Amino acid sequence: MPEISRFLGIIIRMYMREHAPPHFHAEYGEYEITVEIETGIVTGRFPRRALTVVLDWYVLHQGELMANWEAAAHRKPLSKIEPLE
C-alpha cells in the first residue's frame, strides 16, 4: 500500500484498486483509521490528539487526496502529499 504522507508519527496510505467510497488510511502505532475523502467520516480508533492532526491535514489536502484516489483507480502512480507542520 503506497505511503502518501508521514508526519508526527502518523503514516497516511492509500491502496490501489480500493473499494468505494473514496478514502485513505492513517496509522499511528497500533491504531488505524480510515477517513472518507468526500465526507470526513472516520472509521476505526485513534488517540484524540492524533485524530485531530489527521483531520486538520485532511481538510488542507482534500483535493489532492481525491486526485490520488482517481490515480489509484486508474492504476497510476500516487503523488506524495505535504505533511502537516
N, C-alpha and C. Protein backbone atom coordinates (compact mmCIF):
# COMPACT_ATOMS: atom_id res chain seq x y z
N MET A 1 0.85 -1.17 0.00
CA MET A 1 0.00 0.00 0.00
C MET A 1 0.90 1.23 0.00
N PRO A 2 0.79 2.07 -1.00
CA PRO A 2 1.66 3.24 -1.09
C PRO A 2 1.45 4.26 0.04
N GLU A 3 2.57 4.71 0.57
CA GLU A 3 2.56 5.77 1.58
C GLU A 3 2.51 7.10 0.84
N ILE A 4 1.55 7.96 1.20
CA ILE A 4 1.46 9.25 0.52
C ILE A 4 1.88 10.41 1.40
N SER A 5 1.94 10.20 2.71
CA SER A 5 2.43 11.25 3.61
C SER A 5 2.81 10.63 4.95
N ARG A 6 3.65 11.37 5.69
CA ARG A 6 4.08 10.91 7.02
C ARG A 6 4.40 12.16 7.83
N PHE A 7 3.83 12.23 9.04
CA PHE A 7 4.09 13.36 9.91
C PHE A 7 3.73 13.00 11.34
N LEU A 8 4.53 13.49 12.28
CA LEU A 8 4.28 13.31 13.71
C LEU A 8 4.01 11.86 14.10
N GLY A 9 4.68 10.92 13.44
CA GLY A 9 4.49 9.51 13.73
C GLY A 9 3.27 8.89 13.08
N ILE A 10 2.57 9.66 12.26
CA ILE A 10 1.36 9.18 11.57
C ILE A 10 1.72 8.88 10.13
N ILE A 11 1.28 7.73 9.65
CA ILE A 11 1.53 7.33 8.26
C ILE A 11 0.20 7.34 7.53
N ILE A 12 0.16 8.02 6.38
CA ILE A 12 -1.04 8.09 5.55
C ILE A 12 -0.80 7.23 4.32
N ARG A 13 -1.73 6.31 4.06
CA ARG A 13 -1.60 5.39 2.93
C ARG A 13 -2.90 5.35 2.14
N MET A 14 -2.77 4.89 0.89
CA MET A 14 -3.94 4.67 0.05
C MET A 14 -3.68 3.42 -0.78
N TYR A 15 -4.61 2.50 -0.74
CA TYR A 15 -4.49 1.26 -1.50
C TYR A 15 -4.81 1.50 -2.97
N MET A 16 -4.18 0.72 -3.82
CA MET A 16 -4.53 0.71 -5.24
C MET A 16 -5.75 -0.20 -5.39
N ARG A 17 -6.62 0.12 -6.33
CA ARG A 17 -7.83 -0.67 -6.62
C ARG A 17 -8.66 -0.89 -5.36
N GLU A 18 -8.88 0.13 -4.60
CA GLU A 18 -9.62 0.06 -3.34
C GLU A 18 -11.13 0.18 -3.59
N HIS A 19 -11.90 -0.27 -2.65
CA HIS A 19 -13.36 -0.20 -2.73
C HIS A 19 -13.85 1.22 -2.45
N ALA A 20 -15.03 1.54 -2.98
CA ALA A 20 -15.66 2.84 -2.71
C ALA A 20 -16.24 2.80 -1.31
N PRO A 21 -16.50 3.92 -0.68
CA PRO A 21 -16.29 5.29 -1.14
C PRO A 21 -14.82 5.67 -1.05
N PRO A 22 -14.42 6.74 -1.77
CA PRO A 22 -13.03 7.20 -1.72
C PRO A 22 -12.59 7.46 -0.28
N HIS A 23 -11.43 6.93 0.09
CA HIS A 23 -10.94 7.08 1.46
C HIS A 23 -9.44 6.87 1.51
N PHE A 24 -8.86 7.20 2.66
CA PHE A 24 -7.45 6.92 2.91
C PHE A 24 -7.32 6.28 4.28
N HIS A 25 -6.18 5.68 4.52
CA HIS A 25 -5.89 5.02 5.78
C HIS A 25 -4.83 5.81 6.53
N ALA A 26 -4.98 5.91 7.84
CA ALA A 26 -3.98 6.55 8.69
C ALA A 26 -3.60 5.56 9.78
N GLU A 27 -2.30 5.44 10.04
CA GLU A 27 -1.79 4.55 11.08
C GLU A 27 -0.97 5.37 12.07
N TYR A 28 -1.14 5.02 13.33
CA TYR A 28 -0.36 5.66 14.39
C TYR A 28 -0.12 4.59 15.45
N GLY A 29 1.10 4.05 15.47
CA GLY A 29 1.38 2.94 16.37
C GLY A 29 0.47 1.77 16.06
N GLU A 30 -0.25 1.30 17.06
CA GLU A 30 -1.15 0.16 16.89
C GLU A 30 -2.54 0.56 16.40
N TYR A 31 -2.77 1.84 16.22
CA TYR A 31 -4.09 2.34 15.83
C TYR A 31 -4.18 2.53 14.32
N GLU A 32 -5.38 2.35 13.79
CA GLU A 32 -5.62 2.60 12.36
C GLU A 32 -7.04 3.11 12.17
N ILE A 33 -7.15 4.09 11.28
CA ILE A 33 -8.47 4.61 10.90
C ILE A 33 -8.54 4.70 9.39
N THR A 34 -9.76 4.78 8.89
CA THR A 34 -9.99 5.18 7.51
C THR A 34 -10.81 6.46 7.56
N VAL A 35 -10.55 7.35 6.62
CA VAL A 35 -11.27 8.62 6.54
C VAL A 35 -11.84 8.74 5.14
N GLU A 36 -13.16 8.90 5.04
CA GLU A 36 -13.79 9.11 3.74
C GLU A 36 -13.43 10.50 3.24
N ILE A 37 -12.95 10.57 2.01
CA ILE A 37 -12.45 11.83 1.47
C ILE A 37 -13.56 12.84 1.25
N GLU A 38 -14.71 12.42 0.79
CA GLU A 38 -15.78 13.37 0.49
C GLU A 38 -16.52 13.86 1.73
N THR A 39 -16.60 13.03 2.78
CA THR A 39 -17.42 13.38 3.94
C THR A 39 -16.63 13.62 5.22
N GLY A 40 -15.43 13.08 5.29
CA GLY A 40 -14.65 13.17 6.53
C GLY A 40 -15.06 12.17 7.59
N ILE A 41 -15.95 11.23 7.25
CA ILE A 41 -16.38 10.21 8.21
C ILE A 41 -15.19 9.31 8.54
N VAL A 42 -14.99 9.09 9.83
CA VAL A 42 -13.86 8.30 10.32
C VAL A 42 -14.36 6.96 10.84
N THR A 43 -13.65 5.90 10.46
CA THR A 43 -13.92 4.56 10.96
C THR A 43 -12.65 4.03 11.61
N GLY A 44 -12.77 3.48 12.79
CA GLY A 44 -11.63 2.92 13.49
C GLY A 44 -11.34 3.69 14.76
N ARG A 45 -10.19 3.38 15.39
CA ARG A 45 -9.80 4.01 16.66
C ARG A 45 -8.47 4.71 16.50
N PHE A 46 -8.36 5.87 17.13
CA PHE A 46 -7.15 6.69 17.10
C PHE A 46 -7.13 7.53 18.36
N PRO A 47 -5.97 7.82 18.92
CA PRO A 47 -5.91 8.75 20.04
C PRO A 47 -6.46 10.12 19.60
N ARG A 48 -7.12 10.81 20.51
CA ARG A 48 -7.80 12.06 20.17
C ARG A 48 -6.87 13.08 19.51
N ARG A 49 -5.69 13.30 20.08
CA ARG A 49 -4.76 14.29 19.51
C ARG A 49 -4.34 13.92 18.10
N ALA A 50 -4.00 12.66 17.89
CA ALA A 50 -3.59 12.20 16.56
C ALA A 50 -4.74 12.32 15.57
N LEU A 51 -5.96 12.03 16.01
CA LEU A 51 -7.13 12.17 15.14
C LEU A 51 -7.31 13.63 14.72
N THR A 52 -7.16 14.54 15.65
CA THR A 52 -7.30 15.96 15.34
C THR A 52 -6.27 16.38 14.29
N VAL A 53 -5.04 15.91 14.43
CA VAL A 53 -3.98 16.23 13.48
C VAL A 53 -4.32 15.69 12.10
N VAL A 54 -4.77 14.44 12.02
CA VAL A 54 -5.12 13.84 10.73
C VAL A 54 -6.26 14.61 10.08
N LEU A 55 -7.26 14.97 10.84
CA LEU A 55 -8.40 15.70 10.26
C LEU A 55 -8.00 17.11 9.82
N ASP A 56 -7.11 17.76 10.54
CA ASP A 56 -6.59 19.07 10.11
C ASP A 56 -5.87 18.93 8.78
N TRP A 57 -5.03 17.89 8.67
CA TRP A 57 -4.29 17.63 7.43
C TRP A 57 -5.26 17.31 6.28
N TYR A 58 -6.25 16.49 6.56
CA TYR A 58 -7.25 16.11 5.56
C TYR A 58 -7.95 17.34 4.97
N VAL A 59 -8.35 18.27 5.82
CA VAL A 59 -9.05 19.48 5.35
C VAL A 59 -8.15 20.26 4.39
N LEU A 60 -6.87 20.35 4.69
CA LEU A 60 -5.94 21.09 3.84
C LEU A 60 -5.66 20.41 2.50
N HIS A 61 -5.83 19.09 2.44
CA HIS A 61 -5.39 18.33 1.26
C HIS A 61 -6.49 17.49 0.62
N GLN A 62 -7.73 17.84 0.85
CA GLN A 62 -8.84 17.04 0.34
C GLN A 62 -8.79 16.90 -1.19
N GLY A 63 -8.48 17.98 -1.90
CA GLY A 63 -8.39 17.92 -3.36
C GLY A 63 -7.29 16.98 -3.83
N GLU A 64 -6.14 17.05 -3.18
CA GLU A 64 -5.03 16.17 -3.55
C GLU A 64 -5.35 14.71 -3.24
N LEU A 65 -6.07 14.48 -2.17
CA LEU A 65 -6.48 13.12 -1.83
C LEU A 65 -7.41 12.55 -2.89
N MET A 66 -8.36 13.37 -3.37
CA MET A 66 -9.26 12.89 -4.43
C MET A 66 -8.49 12.61 -5.71
N ALA A 67 -7.52 13.47 -6.02
CA ALA A 67 -6.70 13.24 -7.22
C ALA A 67 -5.94 11.93 -7.10
N ASN A 68 -5.41 11.63 -5.93
CA ASN A 68 -4.73 10.35 -5.72
C ASN A 68 -5.70 9.19 -5.83
N TRP A 69 -6.92 9.36 -5.30
CA TRP A 69 -7.92 8.30 -5.41
C TRP A 69 -8.19 7.98 -6.88
N GLU A 70 -8.35 9.02 -7.69
CA GLU A 70 -8.59 8.82 -9.13
C GLU A 70 -7.39 8.14 -9.80
N ALA A 71 -6.19 8.56 -9.43
CA ALA A 71 -4.99 7.93 -9.99
C ALA A 71 -4.94 6.45 -9.62
N ALA A 72 -5.25 6.13 -8.37
CA ALA A 72 -5.23 4.73 -7.92
C ALA A 72 -6.26 3.91 -8.69
N ALA A 73 -7.42 4.50 -8.93
CA ALA A 73 -8.47 3.79 -9.66
C ALA A 73 -8.03 3.44 -11.08
N HIS A 74 -7.13 4.25 -11.64
CA HIS A 74 -6.63 4.01 -12.99
C HIS A 74 -5.23 3.38 -12.99
N ARG A 75 -4.85 2.87 -11.81
CA ARG A 75 -3.55 2.19 -11.63
C ARG A 75 -2.36 3.06 -12.02
N LYS A 76 -2.47 4.35 -11.72
CA LYS A 76 -1.38 5.29 -11.98
C LYS A 76 -0.67 5.58 -10.67
N PRO A 77 0.57 6.03 -10.74
CA PRO A 77 1.32 6.34 -9.51
C PRO A 77 0.64 7.42 -8.68
N LEU A 78 0.76 7.29 -7.37
CA LEU A 78 0.18 8.28 -6.47
C LEU A 78 1.22 9.35 -6.17
N SER A 79 0.73 10.55 -5.91
CA SER A 79 1.61 11.68 -5.57
C SER A 79 1.77 11.77 -4.05
N LYS A 80 2.97 12.15 -3.64
CA LYS A 80 3.20 12.44 -2.22
C LYS A 80 2.45 13.73 -1.88
N ILE A 81 1.96 13.81 -0.65
CA ILE A 81 1.26 14.99 -0.18
C ILE A 81 2.05 15.55 0.99
N GLU A 82 2.21 16.87 1.00
CA GLU A 82 2.99 17.53 2.04
C GLU A 82 2.48 17.16 3.43
N PRO A 83 3.40 16.93 4.35
CA PRO A 83 2.99 16.62 5.73
C PRO A 83 2.49 17.87 6.44
N LEU A 84 1.82 17.65 7.54
CA LEU A 84 1.38 18.74 8.39
C LEU A 84 2.57 19.19 9.22
N GLU A 85 2.79 20.49 9.29
CA GLU A 85 3.92 21.00 10.07
C GLU A 85 3.45 21.76 11.27
